[in-house]
Amino acid sequence: GPPPPAPPHRGNAAAAAPLTDGEWHRMHPLTPLLKGGIFLIVILGYVLNSLRDQLVEFFIPGGGPQDDGDPVRYVYEHGVVGWVLLGVAVLLLVLLALFTLSWRMHEFRVTGEIVEVRSGVLFRTNRKARLDRIQGINISRPLIPRIFGTAKLEIAQAGNDANVQLAYLGVKAADDLRQRILVLASGAKDDERQHDPARASNGVLQDRVDEIFSPELDPAAVRATRIVKVHPGRLIASMLLSGTTVFILAAVAAM
């Protein structure tokens, strides 16, 4: 007889069909790193700056910094480089374990009624957005997540409840999931032909470049929504007549 159908793939890189099956799914594996990316970049910048100073001192004696309080210089002069490297390795392993645990505990599901997100290791949080209260779904791709091919979905709902965020998902999965949630929220029947899990690929590098420079909203993912175009002149006029602009002008005049 024919082979049994393969189980649905639960990865974020596939089409979003499995992501709306009501089961719990995890975010992109880089989510913990991307959420703490700014902090890690600051630490990395400090370390690289210290190493740069030491390299200058190595090749040009007397050309490096003369600050005795430099921690890198202190470690080198006291011969504890090995212990420090061991401590750094242990710290990295601990951070990796915490990131993995945080990723495994950060899940979401989409049913025929709600979009639910739960996260946290020690202190669990649970956010829900009912489909009949969804007012819009925004796709945000800041610079660093964009480089890694990820995006953030923010679901705005009516009422006093806070918005529900799905951060982070793969770019393609985010576009497809947004479209499917809008279809579910509208009560319309989904068209399976709109979701092609086997999108054409031009190579890993070219795909990443296309994702970086692609628009925030995939034009192919707007078939379930209505897009309204606003004339640039009207948009500029609305900004000039906004309360913020009037307040700034009044403050400048008062000064």
C-alpha atoms as a PDB file:
ATOM      1  CA  GLY A   1       0.000   0.000   0.000  1.00  0.00           C
ATOM      2  CA  PRO A   2       1.067   3.673  -0.128  1.00  0.00           C
ATOM      3  CA  PRO A   3       3.520   4.846   2.552  1.00  0.00           C
ATOM      4  CA  PRO A   4       2.002   6.600   5.563  1.00  0.00           C
ATOM      5  CA  PRO A   5       2.060  10.409   5.421  1.00  0.00           C
ATOM      6  CA  ALA A   6       5.071  12.023   7.029  1.00  0.00           C
ATOM      7  CA  PRO A   7       4.449  13.837  10.325  1.00  0.00           C
ATOM      8  CA  PRO A   8       4.205  17.621  10.001  1.00  0.00           C
ATOM      9  CA  HIS A   9       7.489  19.445  10.420  1.00  0.00           C
ATOM     10  CA  ARG A  10       7.472  21.780  13.419  1.00  0.00           C
ATOM     11  CA  GLY A  11      10.353  24.015  12.434  1.00  0.00           C
ATOM     12  CA  ASN A  12      10.018  27.749  11.891  1.00  0.00           C
ATOM     13  CA  ALA A  13      11.581  27.568   8.442  1.00  0.00           C
ATOM     14  CA  ALA A  14       8.696  25.547   7.007  1.00  0.00           C
ATOM     15  CA  ALA A  15       5.341  26.901   5.931  1.00  0.00           C
ATOM     16  CA  ALA A  16       3.111  27.991   8.770  1.00  0.00           C
ATOM     17  CA  ALA A  17       0.522  25.233   8.325  1.00  0.00           C
ATOM     18  CA  PRO A  18       1.888  23.155  11.232  1.00  0.00           C
ATOM     19  CA  LEU A  19       2.155  26.302  13.359  1.00  0.00           C
ATOM     20  CA  THR A  20      -1.633  26.741  13.410  1.00  0.00           C
ATOM     21  CA  ASP A  21      -2.464  23.161  14.368  1.00  0.00           C
ATOM     22  CA  GLY A  22      -3.201  24.040  18.005  1.00  0.00           C
ATOM     23  CA  GLU A  23      -0.042  22.369  19.296  1.00  0.00           C
ATOM     24  CA  TRP A  24       2.769  24.081  21.212  1.00  0.00           C
ATOM     25  CA  HIS A  25       5.739  25.213  19.116  1.00  0.00           C
ATOM     26  CA  ARG A  26       9.030  26.843  20.013  1.00  0.00           C
ATOM     27  CA  MET A  27      10.459  30.112  18.781  1.00  0.00           C
ATOM     28  CA  HIS A  28      13.548  30.474  16.617  1.00  0.00           C
ATOM     29  CA  PRO A  29      16.594  28.868  18.334  1.00  0.00           C
ATOM     30  CA  LEU A  30      18.414  32.232  18.355  1.00  0.00           C
ATOM     31  CA  THR A  31      15.609  33.954  20.286  1.00  0.00           C
ATOM     32  CA  PRO A  32      17.439  34.088  23.678  1.00  0.00           C
ATOM     33  CA  LEU A  33      20.564  35.473  22.007  1.00  0.00           C
ATOM     34  CA  LEU A  34      18.625  38.079  20.024  1.00  0.00           C
ATOM     35  CA  LYS A  35      16.723  39.268  23.082  1.00  0.00           C
ATOM     36  CA  GLY A  36      19.992  39.825  24.957  1.00  0.00           C
ATOM     37  CA  GLY A  37      21.904  40.877  21.874  1.00  0.00           C
ATOM     38  CA  ILE A  38      22.595  44.479  22.894  1.00  0.00           C
ATOM     39  CA  PHE A  39      24.053  43.420  26.234  1.00  0.00           C
ATOM     40  CA  LEU A  40      26.291  40.821  24.603  1.00  0.00           C
ATOM     41  CA  ILE A  41      27.448  43.274  21.947  1.00  0.00           C
ATOM     42  CA  VAL A  42      28.493  45.761  24.640  1.00  0.00           C
ATOM     43  CA  ILE A  43      30.520  43.078  26.410  1.00  0.00           C
ATOM     44  CA  LEU A  44      32.070  41.907  23.143  1.00  0.00           C
ATOM     45  CA  GLY A  45      32.975  45.469  22.204  1.00  0.00           C
ATOM     46  CA  TYR A  46      34.706  46.004  25.549  1.00  0.00           C
ATOM     47  CA  VAL A  47      36.687  42.774  25.211  1.00  0.00           C
ATOM     48  CA  LEU A  48      37.719  43.537  21.638  1.00  0.00           C
ATOM     49  CA  ASN A  49      38.775  47.041  22.626  1.00  0.00           C
ATOM     50  CA  SER A  50      40.961  45.664  25.435  1.00  0.00           C
ATOM     51  CA  LEU A  51      42.504  43.058  23.135  1.00  0.00           C
ATOM     52  CA  ARG A  52      43.202  45.729  20.551  1.00  0.00           C
ATOM     53  CA  ASP A  53      45.128  47.753  23.115  1.00  0.00           C
ATOM     54  CA  GLN A  54      47.163  44.705  24.074  1.00  0.00           C
ATOM     55  CA  LEU A  55      48.000  43.962  20.444  1.00  0.00           C
ATOM     56  CA  VAL A  56      49.209  47.521  19.970  1.00  0.00           C
ATOM     57  CA  GLU A  57      51.406  47.153  23.069  1.00  0.00           C
ATOM     58  CA  PHE A  58      52.764  43.831  21.774  1.00  0.00           C
ATOM     59  CA  PHE A  59      53.831  45.125  18.358  1.00  0.00           C
ATOM     60  CA  ILE A  60      54.707  48.679  19.473  1.00  0.00           C
ATOM     61  CA  PRO A  61      56.202  48.632  22.982  1.00  0.00           C
ATOM     62  CA  GLY A  62      55.074  51.723  24.849  1.00  0.00           C
ATOM     63  CA  GLY A  63      52.362  52.462  22.269  1.00  0.00           C
ATOM     64  CA  GLY A  64      49.555  50.829  24.186  1.00  0.00           C
ATOM     65  CA  PRO A  65      47.601  52.223  27.112  1.00  0.00           C
ATOM     66  CA  GLN A  66      49.449  52.850  30.345  1.00  0.00           C
ATOM     67  CA  ASP A  67      46.438  52.365  32.593  1.00  0.00           C
ATOM     68  CA  ASP A  68      47.355  50.012  35.439  1.00  0.00           C
ATOM     69  CA  GLY A  69      43.692  49.353  36.104  1.00  0.00           C
ATOM     70  CA  ASP A  70      43.180  47.562  32.790  1.00  0.00           C
ATOM     71  CA  PRO A  71      41.823  44.083  33.727  1.00  0.00           C
ATOM     72  CA  VAL A  72      43.373  42.418  30.671  1.00  0.00           C
ATOM     73  CA  ARG A  73      46.808  43.805  31.529  1.00  0.00           C
ATOM     74  CA  TYR A  74      46.365  42.768  35.170  1.00  0.00           C
ATOM     75  CA  VAL A  75      45.499  39.178  34.186  1.00  0.00           C
ATOM     76  CA  TYR A  76      48.469  38.950  31.816  1.00  0.00           C
ATOM     77  CA  GLU A  77      51.004  40.367  34.247  1.00  0.00           C
ATOM     78  CA  HIS A  78      49.910  38.085  37.124  1.00  0.00           C
ATOM     79  CA  GLY A  79      50.049  34.899  35.060  1.00  0.00           C
ATOM     80  CA  VAL A  80      46.455  33.808  35.559  1.00  0.00           C
ATOM     81  CA  VAL A  81      45.487  33.740  31.912  1.00  0.00           C
ATOM     82  CA  GLY A  82      44.715  30.006  32.039  1.00  0.00           C
ATOM     83  CA  TRP A  83      42.369  30.357  35.003  1.00  0.00           C
ATOM     84  CA  VAL A  84      40.610  33.284  33.401  1.00  0.00           C
ATOM     85  CA  LEU A  85      40.150  31.385  30.138  1.00  0.00           C
ATOM     86  CA  LEU A  86      38.776  28.430  32.104  1.00  0.00           C
ATOM     87  CA  GLY A  87      36.369  30.730  33.913  1.00  0.00           C
ATOM     88  CA  VAL A  88      35.276  32.271  30.601  1.00  0.00           C
ATOM     89  CA  ALA A  89      34.682  28.797  29.152  1.00  0.00           C
ATOM     90  CA  VAL A  90      32.589  27.770  32.164  1.00  0.00           C
ATOM     91  CA  LEU A  91      30.637  31.026  31.950  1.00  0.00           C
ATOM     92  CA  LEU A  92      29.943  30.455  28.257  1.00  0.00           C
ATOM     93  CA  LEU A  93      28.727  26.923  28.974  1.00  0.00           C
ATOM     94  CA  VAL A  94      26.427  28.204  31.719  1.00  0.00           C
ATOM     95  CA  LEU A  95      25.060  30.918  29.436  1.00  0.00           C
ATOM     96  CA  LEU A  96      24.532  28.373  26.667  1.00  0.00           C
ATOM     97  CA  ALA A  97      22.640  26.103  29.069  1.00  0.00           C
ATOM     98  CA  LEU A  98      20.490  29.014  30.282  1.00  0.00           C
ATOM     99  CA  PHE A  99      19.800  30.136  26.720  1.00  0.00           C
ATOM    100  CA  THR A 100      18.799  26.588  25.747  1.00  0.00           C
ATOM    101  CA  LEU A 101      16.515  26.245  28.753  1.00  0.00           C
ATOM    102  CA  SER A 102      14.982  29.655  28.072  1.00  0.00           C
ATOM    103  CA  TRP A 103      14.364  28.683  24.444  1.00  0.00           C
ATOM    104  CA  ARG A 104      12.745  25.374  25.389  1.00  0.00           C
ATOM    105  CA  MET A 105      10.422  27.118  27.856  1.00  0.00           C
ATOM    106  CA  HIS A 106       9.341  29.806  25.357  1.00  0.00           C
ATOM    107  CA  GLU A 107       6.451  28.369  23.339  1.00  0.00           C
ATOM    108  CA  PHE A 108       3.378  29.473  21.438  1.00  0.00           C
ATOM    109  CA  ARG A 109       0.306  27.910  19.904  1.00  0.00           C
ATOM    110  CA  VAL A 110      -2.416  29.029  17.504  1.00  0.00           C
ATOM    111  CA  THR A 111      -5.847  27.456  17.717  1.00  0.00           C
ATOM    112  CA  GLY A 112      -9.164  28.284  16.145  1.00  0.00           C
ATOM    113  CA  GLU A 113      -9.875  30.663  19.025  1.00  0.00           C
ATOM    114  CA  ILE A 114      -6.661  32.092  20.512  1.00  0.00           C
ATOM    115  CA  VAL A 115      -2.990  32.855  20.015  1.00  0.00           C
ATOM    116  CA  GLU A 116      -1.176  31.965  23.234  1.00  0.00           C
ATOM    117  CA  VAL A 117       2.441  32.522  24.288  1.00  0.00           C
ATOM    118  CA  ARG A 118       4.069  31.221  27.449  1.00  0.00           C
ATOM    119  CA  SER A 119       7.645  31.844  28.576  1.00  0.00           C
ATOM    120  CA  GLY A 120       9.895  32.055  31.606  1.00  0.00           C
ATOM    121  CA  VAL A 121      11.891  29.531  33.617  1.00  0.00           C
ATOM    122  CA  LEU A 122      11.402  30.531  37.251  1.00  0.00           C
ATOM    123  CA  PHE A 123       8.627  33.052  36.729  1.00  0.00           C
ATOM    124  CA  ARG A 124       6.214  31.853  34.047  1.00  0.00           C
ATOM    125  CA  THR A 125       4.214  34.320  31.992  1.00  0.00           C
ATOM    126  CA  ASN A 126       1.250  33.537  29.778  1.00  0.00           C
ATOM    127  CA  ARG A 127      -0.251  35.882  27.203  1.00  0.00           C
ATOM    128  CA  LYS A 128      -3.344  35.222  25.112  1.00  0.00           C
ATOM    129  CA  ALA A 129      -4.980  36.993  22.194  1.00  0.00           C
ATOM    130  CA  ARG A 130      -8.450  35.932  21.129  1.00  0.00           C
ATOM    131  CA  LEU A 131      -8.862  35.742  17.378  1.00  0.00           C
ATOM    132  CA  ASP A 132     -12.144  37.674  17.461  1.00  0.00           C
ATOM    133  CA  ARG A 133     -10.387  40.597  19.222  1.00  0.00           C
ATOM    134  CA  ILE A 134      -7.348  40.872  16.958  1.00  0.00           C
ATOM    135  CA  GLN A 135      -7.072  44.310  15.373  1.00  0.00           C
ATOM    136  CA  GLY A 136      -3.803  43.895  13.528  1.00  0.00           C
ATOM    137  CA  ILE A 137      -0.574  41.950  13.273  1.00  0.00           C
ATOM    138  CA  ASN A 138       2.689  43.823  12.797  1.00  0.00           C
ATOM    139  CA  ILE A 139       5.941  42.330  11.553  1.00  0.00           C
ATOM    140  CA  SER A 140       9.067  43.971  12.968  1.00  0.00           C
ATOM    141  CA  ARG A 141      12.604  43.170  11.837  1.00  0.00           C
ATOM    142  CA  PRO A 142      15.270  45.176  13.694  1.00  0.00           C
ATOM    143  CA  LEU A 143      18.773  45.232  12.282  1.00  0.00           C
ATOM    144  CA  ILE A 144      20.378  42.407  14.278  1.00  0.00           C
ATOM    145  CA  PRO A 145      17.430  39.975  13.987  1.00  0.00           C
ATOM    146  CA  ARG A 146      17.202  40.871  10.292  1.00  0.00           C
ATOM    147  CA  ILE A 147      20.824  39.812   9.792  1.00  0.00           C
ATOM    148  CA  PHE A 148      20.020  36.407  11.295  1.00  0.00           C
ATOM    149  CA  GLY A 149      16.902  36.007   9.156  1.00  0.00           C
ATOM    150  CA  THR A 150      14.363  36.414  11.956  1.00  0.00           C
ATOM    151  CA  ALA A 151      11.358  38.631  12.597  1.00  0.00           C
ATOM    152  CA  LYS A 152       8.987  39.541  15.421  1.00  0.00           C
ATOM    153  CA  LEU A 153       5.213  39.305  15.227  1.00  0.00           C
ATOM    154  CA  GLU A 154       3.201  41.654  17.420  1.00  0.00           C
ATOM    155  CA  ILE A 155      -0.506  40.919  17.669  1.00  0.00           C
ATOM    156  CA  ALA A 156      -2.625  43.932  18.642  1.00  0.00           C
ATOM    157  CA  GLN A 157      -5.954  43.129  20.245  1.00  0.00           C
ATOM    158  CA  ALA A 158      -8.904  45.179  21.421  1.00  0.00           C
ATOM    159  CA  GLY A 159      -9.325  45.989  25.091  1.00  0.00           C
ATOM    160  CA  ASN A 160      -6.890  46.710  27.879  1.00  0.00           C
ATOM    161  CA  ASP A 161      -4.877  43.529  27.444  1.00  0.00           C
ATOM    162  CA  ALA A 162      -1.282  43.991  26.341  1.00  0.00           C
ATOM    163  CA  ASN A 163      -0.271  42.966  22.851  1.00  0.00           C
ATOM    164  CA  VAL A 164       1.018  39.445  22.300  1.00  0.00           C
ATOM    165  CA  GLN A 165       4.500  39.124  20.800  1.00  0.00           C
ATOM    166  CA  LEU A 166       5.992  36.174  18.948  1.00  0.00           C
ATOM    167  CA  ALA A 167       9.702  36.938  19.082  1.00  0.00           C
ATOM    168  CA  TYR A 168      11.463  35.611  17.200  1.00  0.00           C
ATOM    169  CA  LEU A 169      10.413  33.528  14.181  1.00  0.00           C
ATOM    170  CA  GLY A 170      12.041  32.841  10.852  1.00  0.00           C
ATOM    171  CA  VAL A 171      11.182  35.499   8.277  1.00  0.00           C
ATOM    172  CA  LYS A 172       9.276  33.156   5.976  1.00  0.00           C
ATOM    173  CA  ALA A 173       7.449  31.508   8.861  1.00  0.00           C
ATOM    174  CA  ALA A 174       6.522  34.933  10.258  1.00  0.00           C
ATOM    175  CA  ASP A 175       4.998  36.051   6.949  1.00  0.00           C
ATOM    176  CA  ASP A 176       3.072  32.804   6.524  1.00  0.00           C
ATOM    177  CA  LEU A 177       1.920  32.702  10.137  1.00  0.00           C
ATOM    178  CA  ARG A 178       0.678  36.293   9.957  1.00  0.00           C
ATOM    179  CA  GLN A 179      -1.394  35.469   6.904  1.00  0.00           C
ATOM    180  CA  ARG A 180      -2.864  32.326   8.442  1.00  0.00           C
ATOM    181  CA  ILE A 181      -3.791  34.068  11.711  1.00  0.00           C
ATOM    182  CA  LEU A 182      -5.532  36.837   9.754  1.00  0.00           C
ATOM    183  CA  VAL A 183      -7.441  34.233   7.779  1.00  0.00           C
ATOM    184  CA  LEU A 184      -8.472  32.441  10.980  1.00  0.00           C
ATOM    185  CA  ALA A 185      -9.448  35.735  12.622  1.00  0.00           C
ATOM    186  CA  SER A 186     -11.585  36.743   9.623  1.00  0.00           C
ATOM    187  CA  GLY A 187     -13.437  33.432   9.651  1.00  0.00           C
ATOM    188  CA  ALA A 188     -12.620  32.845   5.977  1.00  0.00           C
ATOM    189  CA  LYS A 189     -11.530  29.502   4.619  1.00  0.00           C
ATOM    190  CA  ASP A 190      -7.804  29.294   4.039  1.00  0.00           C
ATOM    191  CA  ASP A 191      -6.444  28.585   0.602  1.00  0.00           C
ATOM    192  CA  GLU A 192      -3.723  25.972   0.853  1.00  0.00           C
ATOM    193  CA  ARG A 193      -2.265  27.124  -2.433  1.00  0.00           C
ATOM    194  CA  GLN A 194      -1.250  30.384  -0.814  1.00  0.00           C
ATOM    195  CA  HIS A 195       1.247  28.568   1.399  1.00  0.00           C
ATOM    196  CA  ASP A 196       4.054  26.853  -0.424  1.00  0.00           C
ATOM    197  CA  PRO A 197       6.544  25.221   1.954  1.00  0.00           C
ATOM    198  CA  ALA A 198       8.995  24.687  -0.888  1.00  0.00           C
ATOM    199  CA  ARG A 199       9.797  28.237  -1.885  1.00  0.00           C
ATOM    200  CA  ALA A 200      12.480  28.675  -4.475  1.00  0.00           C
ATOM    201  CA  SER A 201      15.941  29.139  -3.001  1.00  0.00           C
ATOM    202  CA  ASN A 202      18.870  30.935  -4.594  1.00  0.00           C
ATOM    203  CA  GLY A 203      21.416  29.741  -2.060  1.00  0.00           C
ATOM    204  CA  VAL A 204      21.919  30.440   1.624  1.00  0.00           C
ATOM    205  CA  LEU A 205      23.910  33.651   1.126  1.00  0.00           C
ATOM    206  CA  GLN A 206      21.591  35.064  -1.535  1.00  0.00           C
ATOM    207  CA  ASP A 207      18.505  34.180   0.511  1.00  0.00           C
ATOM    208  CA  ARG A 208      19.953  35.977   3.531  1.00  0.00           C
ATOM    209  CA  VAL A 209      20.745  39.083   1.444  1.00  0.00           C
ATOM    210  CA  ASP A 210      17.204  39.045   0.039  1.00  0.00           C
ATOM    211  CA  GLU A 211      15.776  38.780   3.563  1.00  0.00           C
ATOM    212  CA  ILE A 212      17.880  41.703   4.816  1.00  0.00           C
ATOM    213  CA  PHE A 213      16.798  44.061   2.039  1.00  0.00           C
ATOM    214  CA  SER A 214      13.255  42.786   1.574  1.00  0.00           C
ATOM    215  CA  PRO A 215      10.301  44.939   2.747  1.00  0.00           C
ATOM    216  CA  GLU A 216       8.901  44.493   6.237  1.00  0.00           C
ATOM    217  CA  LEU A 217       5.756  42.894   4.806  1.00  0.00           C
ATOM    218  CA  ASP A 218       6.024  40.270   2.104  1.00  0.00           C
ATOM    219  CA  PRO A 219       3.817  41.457  -0.808  1.00  0.00           C
ATOM    220  CA  ALA A 220       2.800  37.828  -1.363  1.00  0.00           C
ATOM    221  CA  ALA A 221       1.410  37.637   2.175  1.00  0.00           C
ATOM    222  CA  VAL A 222      -1.310  40.296   1.864  1.00  0.00           C
ATOM    223  CA  ARG A 223      -3.947  38.293   0.012  1.00  0.00           C
ATOM    224  CA  ALA A 224      -5.939  37.780   3.207  1.00  0.00           C
ATOM    225  CA  THR A 225      -5.907  41.463   4.090  1.00  0.00           C
ATOM    226  CA  ARG A 226      -6.895  44.789   2.575  1.00  0.00           C
ATOM    227  CA  ILE A 227      -4.020  47.195   1.923  1.00  0.00           C
ATOM    228  CA  VAL A 228      -4.809  50.912   1.844  1.00  0.00           C
ATOM    229  CA  LYS A 229      -2.341  53.265   0.176  1.00  0.00           C
ATOM    230  CA  VAL A 230      -1.951  56.770   1.585  1.00  0.00           C
ATOM    231  CA  HIS A 231      -0.699  59.637  -0.567  1.00  0.00           C
ATOM    232  CA  PRO A 232       2.701  60.924   0.685  1.00  0.00           C
ATOM    233  CA  GLY A 233       1.399  64.504   0.884  1.00  0.00           C
ATOM    234  CA  ARG A 234      -1.466  63.499   3.144  1.00  0.00           C
ATOM    235  CA  LEU A 235       0.905  61.462   5.310  1.00  0.00           C
ATOM    236  CA  ILE A 236       3.296  64.419   5.707  1.00  0.00           C
ATOM    237  CA  ALA A 237       0.386  66.744   6.514  1.00  0.00           C
ATOM    238  CA  SER A 238      -0.880  64.361   9.176  1.00  0.00           C
ATOM    239  CA  MET A 239       2.569  64.317  10.777  1.00  0.00           C
ATOM    240  CA  LEU A 240       2.819  68.115  10.724  1.00  0.00           C
ATOM    241  CA  LEU A 241      -0.637  68.472  12.277  1.00  0.00           C
ATOM    242  CA  SER A 242      -0.051  65.850  14.960  1.00  0.00           C
ATOM    243  CA  GLY A 243      -0.118  66.763  18.631  1.00  0.00           C
ATOM    244  CA  THR A 244       3.601  66.061  19.011  1.00  0.00           C
ATOM    245  CA  THR A 245       4.542  68.526  16.273  1.00  0.00           C
ATOM    246  CA  VAL A 246       2.253  71.215  17.686  1.00  0.00           C
ATOM    247  CA  PHE A 247       3.745  70.719  21.158  1.00  0.00           C
ATOM    248  CA  ILE A 248       7.330  70.974  19.832  1.00  0.00           C
ATOM    249  CA  LEU A 249       6.528  74.154  17.921  1.00  0.00           C
ATOM    250  CA  ALA A 250       4.857  75.662  20.985  1.00  0.00           C
ATOM    251  CA  ALA A 251       7.858  74.736  23.154  1.00  0.00           C
ATOM    252  CA  VAL A 252      10.288  76.284  20.642  1.00  0.00           C
ATOM    253  CA  ALA A 253       8.208  79.439  20.489  1.00  0.00           C
ATOM    254  CA  ALA A 254       8.102  79.643  24.296  1.00  0.00           C
ATOM    255  CA  MET A 255      11.892  79.247  24.513  1.00  0.00           C
END
